[in-house]
Amino acid sequence: MKLRTGLLSLMMAVVLSACYEPTEGCLDVRATNFDLDADEACADCCTFPSLSLRFSNVWTYPDTIVSLRLDTFYVDAEGNPYRFNRIRLYWSNLRLVTSAGAELQLTDSLDLSIAEGGDTSRITILDDITLADINSRTETVSLNTLEPSGTLFQLQATFGIEDPTNKAVTTSVSTSHPLAPQAGRMNLGSDLGYIFAKIEYFQDTSSTDPILREINLYGDDFRRDLMLDILEPTPFIEGFNPTLVIEQNITKWFENIDVTSTDTTALKNSFVENLTQSFTLTSLLAN
């Protein structure tokens, strides 16, 4: 009887093993589609997280901090009132630095054309460029693929766009890309390149038909490196999309600036010096 039971168990094991097929799936724990039940790693099936930047735009008064609003009047250093219409700015060359000193970059590439000296050529760049359109208290910008690991310590980026990308032919990329043609003109051609920041505001707030003024920052003199330490180092949660929350204190942009000044060069120089002091990397979220 024991012999028959043993033989039956052996036969069942052989039959079951013959019917079993291993399950393929993503076995990289950093991926959003990590499959705990998979037996074998699949070929190129892993989907890695996408990085987002969430700009939290604030205005600081002596006794309080409020969210930025486009329908509100503010005053400059001389007490002159003005109202924002729109704020847009380019960041590029994003790198995330971990507490161990590792540098994480976006992994997607972008093919585009550049124009220089009357000639056009094709190049491939790292697609780490974003255009933030500040028209509300918060603005979330989605970027590309990141393979996060470790503990976030610092965000490094460039305010503006570096060469040769700054000489891009705007129509050589998809219409949804930040480098594509934008309403209100954010590119001045291959000689001058992109406008790194465009600040539109109404100066004469008492008029029923106020005049729209602009501060446009472009060119090598206005490109700046940004290095933002996070307030508290935070580990990435593997398998989730990371969002960096950046507080943007618009008040600092306009410190010691007279919005009624007709000296646009002075306005630009003052503005860009204030700019790098206005950003704070407050937190890392996982979605």
Protein backbone atom coordinates (compact mmCIF):
# COMPACT_ATOMS: atom_id res chain seq x y z
CA MET A 1 0.00 0.00 0.00
CA LYS A 2 2.82 2.42 0.88
CA LEU A 3 4.59 1.52 -2.36
CA ARG A 4 1.47 2.30 -4.42
CA THR A 5 1.02 5.65 -2.61
CA GLY A 6 4.63 6.58 -3.23
CA LEU A 7 4.40 5.73 -6.91
CA LEU A 8 1.19 7.74 -7.24
CA SER A 9 2.78 10.79 -5.63
CA LEU A 10 5.79 10.50 -7.91
CA MET A 11 3.60 10.26 -10.99
CA MET A 12 1.60 13.34 -9.94
CA ALA A 13 4.79 15.32 -9.38
CA VAL A 14 6.07 14.38 -12.83
CA VAL A 15 2.76 15.37 -14.46
CA LEU A 16 2.59 18.70 -12.64
CA SER A 17 6.20 19.57 -13.44
CA ALA A 18 5.60 18.78 -17.09
CA CYS A 19 2.63 21.19 -17.16
CA TYR A 20 4.39 24.03 -15.30
CA GLU A 21 5.55 26.99 -17.35
CA PRO A 22 7.71 29.71 -15.77
CA THR A 23 6.17 33.18 -15.70
CA GLU A 24 8.14 36.02 -17.24
CA GLY A 25 7.96 39.52 -15.79
CA CYS A 26 9.90 42.54 -14.63
CA LEU A 27 12.21 41.63 -11.76
CA ASP A 28 13.78 45.07 -11.27
CA VAL A 29 12.44 46.45 -7.97
CA ARG A 30 13.00 50.03 -9.20
CA ALA A 31 10.41 49.58 -11.95
CA THR A 32 6.77 50.60 -11.64
CA ASN A 33 5.71 47.20 -13.04
CA PHE A 34 7.89 45.01 -10.80
CA ASP A 35 6.27 41.57 -10.75
CA LEU A 36 6.70 39.74 -7.45
CA ASP A 37 5.15 36.57 -8.93
CA ALA A 38 7.45 36.36 -11.95
CA ASP A 39 9.96 33.51 -12.15
CA GLU A 40 12.12 34.77 -15.00
CA ALA A 41 13.20 38.23 -16.04
CA CYS A 42 11.64 39.48 -19.26
CA ALA A 43 13.54 41.21 -22.02
CA ASP A 44 13.10 45.02 -21.94
CA CYS A 45 9.64 44.89 -20.34
CA CYS A 46 10.39 46.99 -17.25
CA THR A 47 8.78 50.42 -17.03
CA PHE A 48 10.72 52.87 -14.91
CA PRO A 49 9.31 55.87 -13.03
CA SER A 50 8.87 59.33 -14.52
CA LEU A 51 10.19 62.41 -12.73
CA SER A 52 7.98 65.44 -12.08
CA LEU A 53 8.69 68.90 -10.70
CA ARG A 54 5.96 70.64 -8.73
CA PHE A 55 6.51 74.39 -8.41
CA SER A 56 4.74 75.88 -5.40
CA ASN A 57 4.61 79.59 -6.12
CA VAL A 58 4.36 81.94 -3.16
CA TRP A 59 4.54 85.61 -2.27
CA THR A 60 5.99 86.56 1.13
CA TYR A 61 4.74 89.40 3.30
CA PRO A 62 6.35 90.38 6.63
CA ASP A 63 3.74 88.44 8.60
CA THR A 64 2.49 85.76 6.22
CA ILE A 65 3.08 83.71 3.07
CA VAL A 66 0.37 83.46 0.41
CA SER A 67 0.00 81.57 -2.85
CA LEU A 68 0.76 83.53 -5.99
CA ARG A 69 -2.29 84.85 -7.86
CA LEU A 70 -2.42 86.53 -11.24
CA ASP A 71 -5.46 88.63 -10.29
CA THR A 72 -3.72 90.27 -7.32
CA PHE A 73 -1.72 93.51 -7.19
CA TYR A 74 1.78 93.46 -5.71
CA VAL A 75 4.23 96.29 -5.00
CA ASP A 76 7.90 96.57 -5.87
CA ALA A 77 10.78 97.91 -3.74
CA GLU A 78 9.68 101.49 -4.49
CA GLY A 79 6.04 100.86 -3.60
CA ASN A 80 4.87 100.79 -7.24
CA PRO A 81 1.91 98.43 -7.82
CA TYR A 82 1.89 95.87 -10.62
CA ARG A 83 0.10 92.68 -11.57
CA PHE A 84 1.49 89.54 -13.18
CA ASN A 85 0.12 88.29 -16.47
CA ARG A 86 2.32 85.24 -17.03
CA ILE A 87 5.69 83.82 -15.99
CA ARG A 88 7.56 81.18 -17.98
CA LEU A 89 11.02 79.76 -17.43
CA TYR A 90 13.28 77.03 -18.79
CA TRP A 91 15.30 74.55 -16.75
CA SER A 92 17.65 71.98 -18.25
CA ASN A 93 20.51 69.63 -17.41
CA LEU A 94 18.71 68.14 -14.38
CA ARG A 95 20.69 65.86 -12.06
CA LEU A 96 19.63 64.32 -8.76
CA VAL A 97 22.43 63.78 -6.25
CA THR A 98 22.05 61.15 -3.54
CA SER A 99 23.48 61.29 -0.02
CA ALA A 100 26.09 58.74 -1.17
CA GLY A 101 27.25 61.12 -3.91
CA ALA A 102 25.72 59.23 -6.82
CA GLU A 103 24.32 61.34 -9.66
CA LEU A 104 21.04 60.28 -11.25
CA GLN A 105 20.00 61.59 -14.66
CA LEU A 106 16.99 61.18 -16.89
CA THR A 107 17.54 58.35 -19.35
CA ASP A 108 15.53 59.43 -22.42
CA SER A 109 17.20 60.96 -25.46
CA LEU A 110 15.95 63.43 -28.05
CA ASP A 111 16.91 63.85 -31.71
CA LEU A 112 16.73 67.41 -33.01
CA SER A 113 18.20 69.76 -35.60
CA ILE A 114 20.44 72.71 -34.77
CA ALA A 115 21.18 75.70 -36.99
CA GLU A 116 24.58 77.36 -36.99
CA GLY A 117 26.38 79.44 -39.57
CA GLY A 118 23.66 78.87 -42.15
CA ASP A 119 23.95 75.08 -41.88
CA THR A 120 21.63 72.60 -40.19
CA SER A 121 22.73 69.35 -38.56
CA ARG A 122 21.14 66.59 -36.49
CA ILE A 123 22.23 65.82 -32.94
CA THR A 124 21.05 63.63 -30.09
CA ILE A 125 20.79 65.08 -26.59
CA LEU A 126 19.64 63.96 -23.17
CA ASP A 127 16.00 64.97 -22.94
CA ASP A 128 16.10 66.79 -19.60
CA ILE A 129 14.55 70.14 -20.54
CA THR A 130 11.43 71.57 -18.96
CA LEU A 131 9.37 74.71 -19.47
CA ALA A 132 7.40 75.85 -16.42
CA ASP A 133 4.40 78.06 -17.11
CA ILE A 134 3.66 79.83 -13.84
CA ASN A 135 0.03 80.87 -14.02
CA SER A 136 -1.32 79.55 -10.72
CA ARG A 137 -0.25 78.75 -7.17
CA THR A 138 1.15 75.38 -8.24
CA GLU A 139 2.52 74.11 -11.53
CA THR A 140 3.46 70.46 -12.04
CA VAL A 141 5.79 69.65 -14.93
CA SER A 142 6.25 66.04 -16.05
CA LEU A 143 9.65 65.06 -17.40
CA ASN A 144 11.01 61.72 -18.56
CA THR A 145 12.26 58.40 -17.26
CA LEU A 146 14.38 58.13 -14.12
CA GLU A 147 15.78 55.01 -12.44
CA PRO A 148 15.77 56.22 -8.82
CA SER A 149 17.66 54.64 -5.96
CA GLY A 150 19.21 55.79 -2.71
CA THR A 151 18.39 58.92 -0.71
CA LEU A 152 17.87 62.28 -2.41
CA PHE A 153 20.19 64.99 -1.13
CA GLN A 154 20.33 67.66 -3.86
CA LEU A 155 18.83 68.79 -7.16
CA GLN A 156 21.20 70.32 -9.69
CA ALA A 157 19.97 72.08 -12.81
CA THR A 158 20.65 74.88 -15.25
CA PHE A 159 18.43 77.93 -15.44
CA GLY A 160 18.26 78.34 -19.20
CA ILE A 161 19.46 76.15 -22.06
CA GLU A 162 23.06 75.40 -22.96
CA ASP A 163 24.62 75.17 -26.41
CA PRO A 164 24.26 73.40 -28.77
CA THR A 165 20.65 72.77 -27.71
CA ASN A 166 20.08 76.53 -27.49
CA LYS A 167 20.49 76.64 -31.27
CA ALA A 168 17.72 74.10 -31.87
CA VAL A 169 15.39 74.37 -34.83
CA THR A 170 12.09 74.62 -32.98
CA THR A 171 10.13 72.73 -35.64
CA SER A 172 12.47 69.72 -35.48
CA VAL A 173 10.82 68.39 -32.29
CA SER A 174 7.25 67.35 -31.55
CA THR A 175 4.76 70.13 -30.92
CA SER A 176 4.31 68.98 -27.31
CA HIS A 177 8.00 69.31 -26.44
CA PRO A 178 9.24 72.35 -24.46
CA LEU A 179 11.64 73.21 -27.30
CA ALA A 180 8.81 73.45 -29.85
CA PRO A 181 7.38 76.84 -30.92
CA GLN A 182 5.47 78.47 -28.06
CA ALA A 183 2.70 81.04 -28.01
CA GLY A 184 4.15 84.41 -27.10
CA ARG A 185 7.52 83.57 -28.65
CA MET A 186 10.07 81.83 -26.42
CA ASN A 187 12.76 81.51 -29.11
CA LEU A 188 14.64 84.32 -30.89
CA GLY A 189 16.28 82.24 -33.62
CA SER A 190 19.55 80.33 -33.80
CA ASP A 191 21.73 83.40 -33.12
CA LEU A 192 20.11 84.36 -29.80
CA GLY A 193 18.40 81.09 -28.91
CA TYR A 194 15.68 80.57 -26.33
CA ILE A 195 14.28 83.07 -23.86
CA PHE A 196 15.21 81.48 -20.53
CA ALA A 197 12.57 83.42 -18.63
CA LYS A 198 9.73 85.65 -19.76
CA ILE A 199 7.98 87.69 -17.08
CA GLU A 200 4.88 89.53 -18.26
CA TYR A 201 3.27 92.11 -15.98
CA PHE A 202 0.99 95.14 -16.03
CA GLN A 203 2.64 98.23 -14.56
CA ASP A 204 -0.16 100.82 -14.61
CA THR A 205 -2.76 99.13 -12.42
CA SER A 206 -5.00 102.22 -12.32
CA SER A 207 -5.63 102.19 -16.06
CA THR A 208 -8.60 100.43 -17.63
CA ASP A 209 -6.30 99.46 -20.49
CA PRO A 210 -2.90 98.83 -18.84
CA ILE A 211 0.24 98.35 -20.91
CA LEU A 212 1.79 94.88 -20.81
CA ARG A 213 5.51 94.93 -20.03
CA GLU A 214 8.01 92.09 -20.36
CA ILE A 215 11.33 91.08 -18.89
CA ASN A 216 13.06 88.63 -21.26
CA LEU A 217 16.21 86.84 -20.12
CA TYR A 218 18.31 85.13 -22.79
CA GLY A 219 21.94 84.61 -23.75
CA ASP A 220 25.04 83.35 -21.98
CA ASP A 221 25.10 86.23 -19.47
CA PHE A 222 21.78 85.12 -17.96
CA ARG A 223 22.33 81.36 -17.76
CA ARG A 224 22.79 80.16 -14.18
CA ASP A 225 23.64 76.92 -12.38
CA LEU A 226 21.22 75.88 -9.65
CA MET A 227 22.12 73.67 -6.67
CA LEU A 228 19.21 73.02 -4.33
CA ASP A 229 19.69 70.94 -1.17
CA ILE A 230 16.50 69.24 -0.02
CA LEU A 231 15.36 70.41 3.42
CA GLU A 232 15.52 66.84 4.72
CA PRO A 233 17.26 64.04 2.78
CA THR A 234 14.56 61.60 1.69
CA PRO A 235 14.89 58.05 0.29
CA PHE A 236 13.34 57.26 -3.06
CA ILE A 237 10.53 54.71 -2.86
CA GLU A 238 11.32 52.11 -5.50
CA GLY A 239 8.60 51.50 -8.06
CA PHE A 240 6.88 54.87 -7.61
CA ASN A 241 7.06 58.07 -9.66
CA PRO A 242 9.08 60.73 -7.78
CA THR A 243 7.85 64.33 -7.59
CA LEU A 244 10.18 67.07 -6.39
CA VAL A 245 8.34 69.92 -4.66
CA ILE A 246 10.08 73.26 -5.26
CA GLU A 247 8.92 76.37 -3.45
CA GLN A 248 9.39 79.39 -5.68
CA ASN A 249 9.40 82.62 -3.70
CA ILE A 250 8.43 85.17 -6.35
CA THR A 251 8.97 87.99 -3.83
CA LYS A 252 12.73 87.48 -4.04
CA TRP A 253 12.68 87.87 -7.81
CA PHE A 254 11.63 91.50 -7.41
CA GLU A 255 13.81 92.55 -4.48
CA ASN A 256 15.33 96.01 -5.11
CA ILE A 257 13.60 96.24 -8.50
CA ASP A 258 11.67 99.27 -9.72
CA VAL A 259 9.10 97.99 -12.21
CA THR A 260 8.65 101.50 -13.62
CA SER A 261 12.28 101.66 -14.72
CA THR A 262 12.84 101.99 -18.46
CA ASP A 263 16.38 100.62 -18.13
CA THR A 264 15.66 97.05 -19.20
CA THR A 265 19.31 96.02 -18.85
CA ALA A 266 19.31 97.00 -15.18
CA LEU A 267 16.02 95.17 -14.66
CA LYS A 268 17.41 92.01 -16.22
CA ASN A 269 20.66 92.08 -14.25
CA SER A 270 18.85 92.62 -10.95
CA PHE A 271 16.28 90.00 -11.76
CA VAL A 272 18.67 87.18 -12.65
CA GLU A 273 20.78 87.80 -9.53
CA ASN A 274 17.66 87.45 -7.40
CA LEU A 275 16.47 84.39 -9.28
CA THR A 276 18.87 81.77 -7.95
CA GLN A 277 17.95 82.69 -4.37
CA SER A 278 14.22 82.13 -4.87
CA PHE A 279 14.06 78.32 -5.15
CA THR A 280 13.84 75.87 -2.23
CA LEU A 281 13.63 72.09 -2.65
CA THR A 282 11.18 71.31 0.13
CA SER A 283 10.26 67.64 -0.27
CA LEU A 284 10.23 64.44 -2.32
CA LEU A 285 6.86 62.76 -2.94
CA ALA A 286 6.07 59.34 -4.40
CA ASN A 287 3.08 58.78 -6.66
